[in-house]
Protein backbone atom coordinates (compact mmCIF):
# COMPACT_ATOMS: atom_id res chain seq x y z
CA MET A 1 149.25 37.76 10.00
CA LYS A 2 147.70 36.41 12.78
CA SER A 3 144.23 34.98 11.64
CA ILE A 4 141.24 35.85 14.30
CA LEU A 5 138.39 34.55 14.64
CA ILE A 6 135.24 36.81 15.97
CA THR A 7 132.13 34.67 17.51
CA GLY A 8 128.74 35.93 18.90
CA ALA A 9 128.72 39.37 17.68
CA ASN A 10 126.16 41.92 17.17
CA ILE A 11 127.05 43.27 14.24
CA VAL A 12 126.18 46.76 12.98
CA ASN A 13 126.72 47.33 9.52
CA GLU A 14 124.98 48.79 6.55
CA GLY A 15 121.91 49.79 8.16
CA ARG A 16 120.65 46.40 10.01
CA ILE A 17 122.11 45.02 13.06
CA SER A 18 122.15 40.76 12.88
CA PRO A 19 124.13 38.35 14.95
CA GLY A 20 126.85 36.65 13.29
CA ASP A 21 130.92 35.48 13.22
CA VAL A 22 133.69 36.90 11.83
CA LEU A 23 136.59 35.71 10.62
CA ILE A 24 139.99 37.85 9.34
CA GLN A 25 142.81 36.28 6.91
CA GLU A 26 145.93 37.87 5.81
CA GLY A 27 144.23 41.69 6.92
CA ARG A 28 140.87 41.53 5.23
CA ILE A 29 137.66 40.00 6.11
CA ALA A 30 137.57 36.41 4.68
CA LYS A 31 134.17 35.14 5.60
CA ILE A 32 130.80 36.33 7.29
CA GLY A 33 128.48 33.82 8.99
CA GLN A 34 126.94 31.77 11.64
CA ASN A 35 128.79 29.43 13.70
CA LEU A 36 132.04 29.82 12.16
CA SER A 37 134.07 28.42 14.93
CA SER A 38 134.48 25.46 12.94
CA GLU A 39 136.78 27.61 11.77
CA THR A 40 140.90 27.50 12.19
CA ALA A 41 142.13 31.03 13.49
CA ASP A 42 144.67 32.12 15.79
CA ILE A 43 143.61 34.54 18.03
CA HIS A 44 139.50 33.93 19.02
CA ILE A 45 137.52 36.95 20.26
CA ASP A 46 133.87 35.91 22.14
CA ALA A 47 132.23 38.59 21.14
CA LYS A 48 128.18 37.46 23.31
CA GLY A 49 126.72 40.07 24.10
CA LYS A 50 128.59 42.60 22.42
CA HIS A 51 128.44 44.87 19.40
CA LEU A 52 131.29 44.44 16.15
CA LEU A 53 131.04 48.16 14.09
CA PRO A 54 133.50 49.15 11.45
CA GLY A 55 136.43 51.39 12.43
CA VAL A 56 135.43 54.79 13.14
CA ILE A 57 137.09 56.80 10.36
CA ASP A 58 137.98 60.24 11.86
CA ASP A 59 137.93 62.69 8.49
CA GLN A 60 139.59 65.88 10.47
CA VAL A 61 142.66 65.66 12.88
CA HIS A 62 145.63 67.12 14.47
CA PHE A 63 148.44 65.83 15.45
CA ARG A 64 150.88 68.10 15.98
CA GLU A 65 154.03 66.40 14.58
CA PRO A 66 156.35 68.13 13.29
CA GLY A 67 157.03 70.63 14.96
CA LEU A 68 154.08 70.80 17.90
CA THR A 69 155.16 67.24 19.67
CA HIS A 70 154.84 69.37 23.27
CA LYS A 71 151.35 68.66 22.38
CA ALA A 72 150.90 65.46 20.44
CA GLU A 73 152.67 63.43 18.64
CA ILE A 74 151.27 60.71 15.46
CA TYR A 75 151.71 57.83 17.60
CA THR A 76 150.59 59.30 21.07
CA GLU A 77 147.44 60.83 19.54
CA ALA A 78 146.47 57.46 16.91
CA LYS A 79 147.09 55.35 20.53
CA ALA A 80 144.67 57.29 21.88
CA GLY A 81 142.20 56.74 19.26
CA VAL A 82 142.28 52.95 18.82
CA ALA A 83 141.47 52.71 22.41
CA GLY A 84 138.53 54.66 21.23
CA GLY A 85 137.25 52.97 18.52
CA THR A 86 139.20 55.08 15.67
CA THR A 87 141.09 52.89 13.05
CA THR A 88 141.40 55.67 10.68
CA TYR A 89 142.37 59.60 10.63
CA MET A 90 142.99 62.24 7.99
CA GLU A 91 145.12 64.69 9.62
CA MET A 92 145.44 68.03 9.20
CA PRO A 93 148.30 70.35 7.79
CA ASN A 94 148.72 73.00 10.16
CA THR A 95 152.51 71.70 11.59
CA VAL A 96 155.47 73.06 11.67
CA PRO A 97 156.81 73.34 8.83
CA GLN A 98 153.48 73.23 7.54
CA SER A 99 152.55 70.44 4.62
CA VAL A 100 152.40 72.65 1.85
CA THR A 101 154.97 70.89 -0.44
CA ILE A 102 155.03 66.94 -1.91
CA GLU A 103 158.11 66.63 0.16
CA LEU A 104 157.00 67.64 3.24
CA LEU A 105 153.46 66.03 3.01
CA GLU A 106 155.46 62.74 1.85
CA GLU A 107 157.67 62.85 5.50
CA LYS A 108 154.59 62.58 7.32
CA TYR A 109 153.42 59.65 5.52
CA LYS A 110 157.11 58.05 6.01
CA ARG A 111 156.89 59.18 10.18
CA ALA A 112 153.35 57.32 10.31
CA SER A 113 154.56 54.36 9.11
CA GLN A 114 156.76 54.31 11.50
CA VAL A 115 154.67 54.88 14.90
CA SER A 116 150.97 54.97 13.90
CA LEU A 117 148.90 52.41 15.45
CA ALA A 118 145.69 53.48 13.45
CA ASN A 119 145.64 53.69 9.22
CA TYR A 120 146.01 57.32 7.96
CA SER A 121 146.24 59.99 5.13
CA PHE A 122 147.53 63.35 5.45
CA PHE A 123 146.04 66.53 3.69
CA PHE A 124 147.81 68.62 1.54
CA GLY A 125 147.74 72.77 2.81
CA ALA A 126 147.07 75.18 0.54
CA THR A 127 148.63 79.19 0.55
CA ASN A 128 148.33 81.81 -1.45
CA ASP A 129 150.88 81.18 -3.28
CA ASN A 130 151.11 77.21 -3.61
CA LEU A 131 148.51 76.53 -6.36
CA GLU A 132 151.34 74.93 -8.65
CA GLU A 133 152.08 72.63 -6.26
CA ILE A 134 148.51 71.37 -5.61
CA LEU A 135 148.16 70.57 -8.66
CA LYS A 136 151.23 67.58 -8.84
CA VAL A 137 149.36 66.16 -5.63
CA ASN A 138 148.56 62.18 -6.11
CA PRO A 139 144.62 61.81 -5.47
CA GLU A 140 145.35 58.19 -5.34
CA ASN A 141 147.10 58.04 -1.95
CA VAL A 142 146.07 61.70 -0.80
CA CYS A 143 142.79 62.55 1.13
CA GLY A 144 142.31 66.01 -0.03
CA VAL A 145 143.51 69.65 0.16
CA LYS A 146 142.96 71.52 3.26
CA VAL A 147 141.86 75.71 3.00
CA PHE A 148 141.75 77.69 5.97
CA GLN A 149 139.23 80.33 4.93
CA GLY A 150 139.15 81.42 8.36
CA SER A 151 142.86 81.84 10.48
CA SER A 152 143.45 79.25 13.50
CA THR A 153 145.98 77.24 15.00
CA GLY A 154 149.36 77.60 12.90
CA ASN A 155 147.78 80.53 10.43
CA MET A 156 147.95 79.04 6.79
CA LEU A 157 145.22 81.67 6.07
CA VAL A 158 144.13 81.91 2.00
CA ASP A 159 142.55 85.13 2.21
CA ASN A 160 143.28 86.21 -1.86
CA PRO A 161 139.84 85.48 -3.31
CA GLU A 162 141.54 85.12 -7.14
CA VAL A 163 143.84 82.42 -5.48
CA LEU A 164 140.77 80.72 -4.28
CA GLU A 165 139.21 80.82 -7.10
CA GLY A 166 142.17 79.14 -8.62
CA ILE A 167 142.14 76.89 -6.44
CA PHE A 168 138.26 75.94 -7.08
CA ARG A 169 139.09 76.28 -10.73
CA GLU A 170 141.87 73.92 -10.81
CA CYS A 171 141.87 71.46 -8.04
CA LYS A 172 140.46 68.45 -9.20
CA MET A 173 140.91 66.62 -5.37
CA LEU A 174 137.98 67.25 -2.39
CA ILE A 175 139.23 70.32 -0.87
CA ALA A 176 138.30 70.44 3.11
CA ILE A 177 137.87 74.04 3.92
CA HIS A 178 137.82 75.65 7.72
CA SER A 179 135.03 78.32 6.79
CA GLU A 180 135.31 81.51 8.56
CA ASN A 181 134.90 85.23 7.62
CA ASP A 182 138.13 86.62 9.43
CA ASN A 183 137.61 90.12 8.29
CA ILE A 184 134.38 90.13 10.37
CA ILE A 185 136.59 88.18 13.10
CA LYS A 186 138.83 90.46 13.72
CA ALA A 187 135.96 93.25 13.96
CA ASN A 188 133.94 91.39 16.16
CA LEU A 189 137.09 91.21 18.02
CA GLU A 190 138.56 94.83 18.65
CA ALA A 191 135.10 95.35 19.56
CA PHE A 192 135.58 93.43 22.35
CA LYS A 193 138.60 94.65 22.83
CA GLU A 194 137.80 97.93 23.38
CA ILE A 195 135.60 96.77 26.32
CA TYR A 196 137.68 93.81 27.88
CA GLY A 197 141.13 94.68 26.72
CA GLU A 198 142.98 91.48 26.54
CA ASP A 199 141.12 89.63 29.15
CA ILE A 200 137.25 88.74 27.27
CA PRO A 201 135.06 86.59 29.10
CA VAL A 202 135.66 83.25 26.91
CA LYS A 203 131.82 83.52 26.97
CA PHE A 204 131.87 85.28 24.00
CA HIS A 205 134.12 83.88 21.73
CA PRO A 206 130.91 82.94 20.07
CA LYS A 207 129.95 86.62 19.95
CA ILE A 208 133.62 87.01 18.39
CA ARG A 209 133.81 83.94 16.15
CA SER A 210 130.15 84.56 14.85
CA GLU A 211 127.16 82.96 13.34
CA GLU A 212 127.87 85.39 10.66
CA ALA A 213 131.20 84.88 10.25
CA CYS A 214 130.40 80.92 9.53
CA TYR A 215 127.81 81.57 7.08
CA ASP A 216 129.27 84.51 5.16
CA ALA A 217 132.55 82.06 4.23
CA SER A 218 130.24 79.17 3.80
CA SER A 219 127.64 80.25 1.58
CA ARG A 220 130.97 81.78 -0.45
CA ALA A 221 132.43 78.55 -0.62
CA VAL A 222 129.60 76.37 -1.57
CA ALA A 223 128.60 79.43 -4.30
CA LEU A 224 132.29 78.71 -5.62
CA ALA A 225 132.16 75.02 -5.85
CA LYS A 226 129.06 75.25 -7.62
CA LYS A 227 130.45 77.45 -9.96
CA HIS A 228 133.31 75.25 -11.04
CA GLY A 229 132.15 71.84 -10.36
CA THR A 230 134.21 71.06 -7.38
CA ARG A 231 134.39 68.49 -4.59
CA LEU A 232 133.17 70.36 -1.12
CA HIS A 233 133.57 69.27 2.13
CA ILE A 234 132.96 71.85 4.48
CA LEU A 235 134.52 71.26 7.86
CA HIS A 236 133.15 71.55 11.82
CA ILE A 237 129.55 72.74 10.97
CA SER A 238 129.24 75.05 14.07
CA THR A 239 125.66 76.89 13.18
CA ALA A 240 122.37 76.00 12.35
CA LYS A 241 121.98 78.38 9.83
CA GLU A 242 124.79 76.95 7.38
CA LEU A 243 122.11 73.62 6.69
CA GLU A 244 120.78 75.56 4.60
CA LEU A 245 123.76 75.40 2.47
CA PHE A 246 123.43 71.81 2.31
CA ASP A 247 121.37 69.35 0.23
CA ASN A 248 119.80 66.12 1.74
CA THR A 249 117.57 65.27 -1.44
CA ILE A 250 120.17 62.81 -3.31
CA PRO A 251 122.35 60.04 -2.31
CA LEU A 252 126.33 60.96 -0.92
CA GLU A 253 127.92 58.99 -3.86
CA GLU A 254 126.77 62.22 -6.28
CA LYS A 255 127.02 64.61 -4.09
CA LYS A 256 129.66 67.49 -4.59
CA ILE A 257 129.16 69.46 -1.91
CA THR A 258 129.35 68.01 1.55
CA ALA A 259 129.48 68.86 5.55
CA GLU A 260 131.03 67.70 8.40
CA ALA A 261 129.39 67.82 12.19
CA CYS A 262 132.17 67.58 14.99
CA ILE A 263 131.39 65.67 18.25
CA HIS A 264 132.24 69.08 20.31
CA HIS A 265 129.18 71.03 18.49
CA MET A 266 127.05 68.17 18.73
CA TRP A 267 127.59 67.68 23.18
CA PHE A 268 128.33 71.36 24.68
CA SER A 269 127.01 75.35 23.82
CA GLU A 270 127.30 78.45 25.01
CA GLU A 271 126.27 77.61 28.71
CA ASP A 272 129.20 75.43 28.76
CA TYR A 273 131.76 78.04 28.56
CA GLU A 274 131.00 78.76 32.62
CA THR A 275 132.31 75.37 33.48
CA LYS A 276 134.61 74.26 30.41
CA GLY A 277 136.33 77.95 29.90
CA ASN A 278 138.84 77.60 27.40
CA LEU A 279 138.48 73.83 27.41
CA ILE A 280 135.89 74.51 25.08
CA LYS A 281 137.47 76.95 23.05
CA TRP A 282 137.52 75.93 19.62
CA ASN A 283 137.39 77.33 15.97
CA PRO A 284 134.88 77.78 15.00
CA ALA A 285 133.19 78.17 18.28
CA VAL A 286 130.85 76.43 20.15
CA LYS A 287 127.65 78.39 19.88
CA THR A 288 124.14 78.38 21.29
CA ALA A 289 122.09 75.17 22.39
CA LYS A 290 119.71 75.79 19.43
CA ASP A 291 123.00 75.32 16.88
CA ARG A 292 123.88 72.42 19.07
CA ASP A 293 119.91 70.78 18.19
CA GLY A 294 120.09 72.18 14.59
CA ILE A 295 123.05 70.53 14.08
CA PHE A 296 122.15 67.18 15.85
CA GLN A 297 119.02 67.17 13.50
CA GLY A 298 121.42 68.29 10.40
CA VAL A 299 123.04 64.75 11.22
CA LEU A 300 120.03 62.92 11.18
CA ASN A 301 118.44 64.39 7.78
CA ASP A 302 121.72 63.84 6.01
CA LYS A 303 121.72 67.61 5.16
CA ILE A 304 125.61 66.78 7.55
CA ASP A 305 127.29 63.49 6.10
CA VAL A 306 129.81 62.57 9.03
CA ILE A 307 130.64 63.16 12.86
CA ALA A 308 134.40 63.96 13.22
CA THR A 309 136.66 65.36 16.10
CA ASP A 310 139.12 67.78 14.60
CA HIS A 311 141.02 66.05 17.93
CA ALA A 312 143.54 69.20 18.47
CA PRO A 313 145.37 69.07 21.28
CA HIS A 314 147.10 71.70 23.35
CA THR A 315 148.79 72.09 27.06
CA LEU A 316 146.93 73.05 29.58
CA GLU A 317 149.51 75.73 30.53
CA GLU A 318 148.25 76.62 27.09
CA LYS A 319 144.97 76.50 27.64
CA SER A 320 145.32 78.05 31.29
CA GLN A 321 146.13 81.53 29.33
CA PRO A 322 143.65 84.64 29.43
CA TYR A 323 141.39 84.66 26.14
CA THR A 324 143.44 86.18 23.79
CA LYS A 325 146.17 84.16 24.23
CA ALA A 326 144.62 80.63 24.41
CA PRO A 327 144.82 78.38 21.37
CA SER A 328 141.57 77.14 20.31
CA GLY A 329 141.58 73.12 20.03
CA GLY A 330 141.10 70.43 22.17
CA PRO A 331 141.66 66.37 22.84
CA LEU A 332 138.96 64.46 21.44
CA ILE A 333 139.57 60.70 19.34
CA GLN A 334 139.64 58.82 22.18
CA HIS A 335 136.23 59.79 23.13
CA SER A 336 134.12 60.31 20.06
CA LEU A 337 132.59 57.38 19.56
CA VAL A 338 131.68 56.18 23.69
CA ALA A 339 130.34 60.03 23.08
CA MET A 340 127.96 58.94 19.93
CA LEU A 341 126.58 55.91 22.04
CA ASP A 342 125.64 58.64 24.90
CA PHE A 343 123.01 60.01 22.65
CA TYR A 344 122.62 56.32 21.85
CA HIS A 345 121.46 55.50 25.19
CA GLN A 346 120.06 58.96 25.58
CA GLY A 347 117.32 57.87 22.44
CA LYS A 348 118.81 60.50 20.24
CA ILE A 349 120.05 58.17 17.21
CA SER A 350 120.11 54.40 16.25
CA LEU A 351 123.80 52.78 16.32
CA GLU A 352 123.07 52.01 12.48
CA LYS A 353 123.17 55.69 12.17
CA ILE A 354 126.31 56.30 14.03
CA VAL A 355 127.94 53.81 12.02
CA GLU A 356 126.75 55.34 8.86
CA LYS A 357 128.00 58.83 10.03
CA MET A 358 131.32 57.58 11.28
CA SER A 359 132.08 55.13 8.64
CA HIS A 360 130.22 54.11 5.68
CA ASN A 361 129.53 57.70 4.58
CA VAL A 362 133.26 58.98 5.18
CA ALA A 363 134.47 55.95 3.11
CA LYS A 364 131.69 56.74 0.61
CA LEU A 365 132.23 60.70 0.71
CA PHE A 366 136.47 60.39 0.27
CA ARG A 367 135.60 57.74 -1.63
CA ILE A 368 138.38 55.15 0.50
CA VAL A 369 139.14 51.74 -1.49
CA ASP A 370 137.88 48.80 0.38
CA ARG A 371 137.69 50.14 4.43
CA GLY A 372 134.26 51.67 6.11
CA PHE A 373 132.24 48.66 5.82
CA ILE A 374 131.94 44.86 7.46
CA ARG A 375 132.57 43.04 3.77
CA GLU A 376 133.74 40.37 3.05
CA GLY A 377 136.97 40.72 1.02
CA TYR A 378 137.36 44.34 2.38
CA TYR A 379 140.02 45.61 4.94
CA ALA A 380 139.57 44.21 8.73
CA ASP A 381 139.09 47.58 10.22
CA LEU A 382 136.55 46.64 13.49
CA VAL A 383 135.76 47.98 17.02
CA LEU A 384 134.40 45.71 19.01
CA VAL A 385 132.24 47.81 21.92
CA ASP A 386 129.71 46.67 25.55
CA LEU A 387 127.24 48.94 25.28
CA ASN A 388 126.81 48.27 29.59
CA ASP A 389 129.89 49.41 30.38
CA PRO A 390 130.21 52.44 32.33
CA TRP A 391 133.46 54.01 33.24
CA THR A 392 134.68 57.72 33.91
CA VAL A 393 136.90 60.01 32.22
CA SER A 394 139.79 60.64 34.61
CA LYS A 395 143.27 61.83 33.92
CA GLU A 396 145.19 57.93 34.90
CA ASN A 397 142.51 57.26 31.40
CA ILE A 398 143.34 59.80 29.35
CA LEU A 399 145.73 58.68 26.32
CA ALA A 400 146.23 62.01 24.43
CA LYS A 401 149.85 63.59 25.12
CA CYS A 402 148.22 66.98 26.53
CA GLY A 403 146.97 64.96 29.55
CA TRP A 404 143.04 66.19 29.82
CA SER A 405 139.95 66.03 28.43
CA PRO A 406 136.75 68.10 28.16
CA PHE A 407 134.92 65.11 28.93
CA GLU A 408 137.36 64.33 32.35
CA GLY A 409 134.59 63.56 35.20
CA HIS A 410 131.85 62.66 32.74
CA THR A 411 130.85 58.78 32.88
CA PHE A 412 130.15 57.19 29.56
CA GLN A 413 127.84 54.06 29.69
CA SER A 414 129.57 51.88 26.86
CA LYS A 415 133.19 51.20 26.09
CA VAL A 416 135.56 49.67 23.51
CA SER A 417 137.29 46.30 24.19
CA HIS A 418 138.93 45.41 21.23
CA THR A 419 140.14 47.56 17.84
CA ILE A 420 141.50 45.87 14.97
CA VAL A 421 143.45 47.67 12.63
CA SER A 422 144.13 46.03 9.10
CA GLY A 423 143.52 42.90 9.89
CA HIS A 424 145.54 43.19 13.63
CA LEU A 425 144.29 43.34 17.19
CA VAL A 426 146.05 46.18 18.16
CA TYR A 427 144.10 46.79 21.26
CA GLU A 428 142.09 44.30 23.43
CA GLU A 429 141.06 45.38 27.17
CA GLY A 430 143.44 47.96 27.81
CA ILE A 431 146.47 46.28 26.26
CA PHE A 432 148.20 47.11 23.00
CA HIS A 433 149.84 45.20 20.85
CA GLU A 434 151.89 47.57 19.09
CA GLU A 435 154.14 45.25 16.40
CA LYS A 436 152.10 45.81 13.42
CA LYS A 437 151.24 49.78 12.58
CA GLY A 438 148.59 50.85 10.57
CA GLU A 439 148.21 51.55 7.19
CA ARG A 440 147.99 54.68 4.56
CA ILE A 441 144.57 54.44 3.20
CA ILE A 442 144.32 54.13 -0.74
CA PHE A 443 141.52 56.46 -2.81
CA SER A 444 139.36 55.86 -5.60
CA THR A 445 139.06 58.57 -8.55
CA ASN A 446 136.96 56.24 -10.25
CA LYS A 447 133.42 58.44 -9.56
């Protein structure tokens, strides 16, 4: 593997920004210091004026492979990810077939080893009848167990209370949960169907997948986790009310109950349905401006621990259907970091906090071995950004296979120039070097 020397960077890491150089050898960070230009390296990157960040670790994506590859593939979506500064992702089990056996899960790992330009892990999917299989999962090389407490794309709803209790009681791995009360959602949907039939205006999506549906399910999950001492991670918080369920008075390493915010819930509000329509239809729904602002505050005050995307592509044709038929989800992984950097430019969040929530804390929460920080001896998962290089999202530069983005037409203020994955320079000023693939990440089982 080629050695890489990065010189003159503004290094954003562990709560501070400092000038420095980074030498990468054999996939890892060999040395961090000043004036390392005398060191020999195969590749030299002059980072003067740029900021060097740990690569983004996205703990929730849907890459649609196997079985739904007309929407996306591991190759295309990981490629979009590295172009946006994401060096590691954790992918969800609602594919076809669903990843609900060890054998099916390992087939996804094998495929990723062949095509993924980013590092990877895959969640194991829970169902109403696979607890025995869940207990066979090796916690050292699988990121966690995914439970759908609300039905969504590729319905894997776990709706048997006894099964849910058993999973929380028996599973020693992290449980990541999609938390919405399906009965409340169904009742709300039927009420709107009585008024509008199948063509419900999408602006009512947050009334159907309501605050009540989210809070009810999240509070039940938290209660179960507290009862059994379970490691619970609630995905894509979409309401300000849910923040009361989380603790910001203890260090993340000591938390057993954690939370995630997604880019779309921090960026959009219900007012945007008028212009974006089904393109911002997600589950859970984008809700009020008050919810959006409350979630952002939860990120800042550490009630919410990590930021992710819930990258979940569908084709434009699928999204163009009436509300009741249009699937929920959209592509985000290429634009997650630059979206957060726009918030930095707006004075809403610091660079150090962005790195904490998108890299450091994900590594801590999932106990990822030797990643998520710029430290000597750690894997070189790094992204170089120019904070002042505006560019506009267009169909010509969207890399997700679905070919669209809810950010289309928006001008971001910052640009990713280089992405290094496990010591390999995979992305360089718009050019991909694909000869080396990403690696399967490993997790510590020590508390």
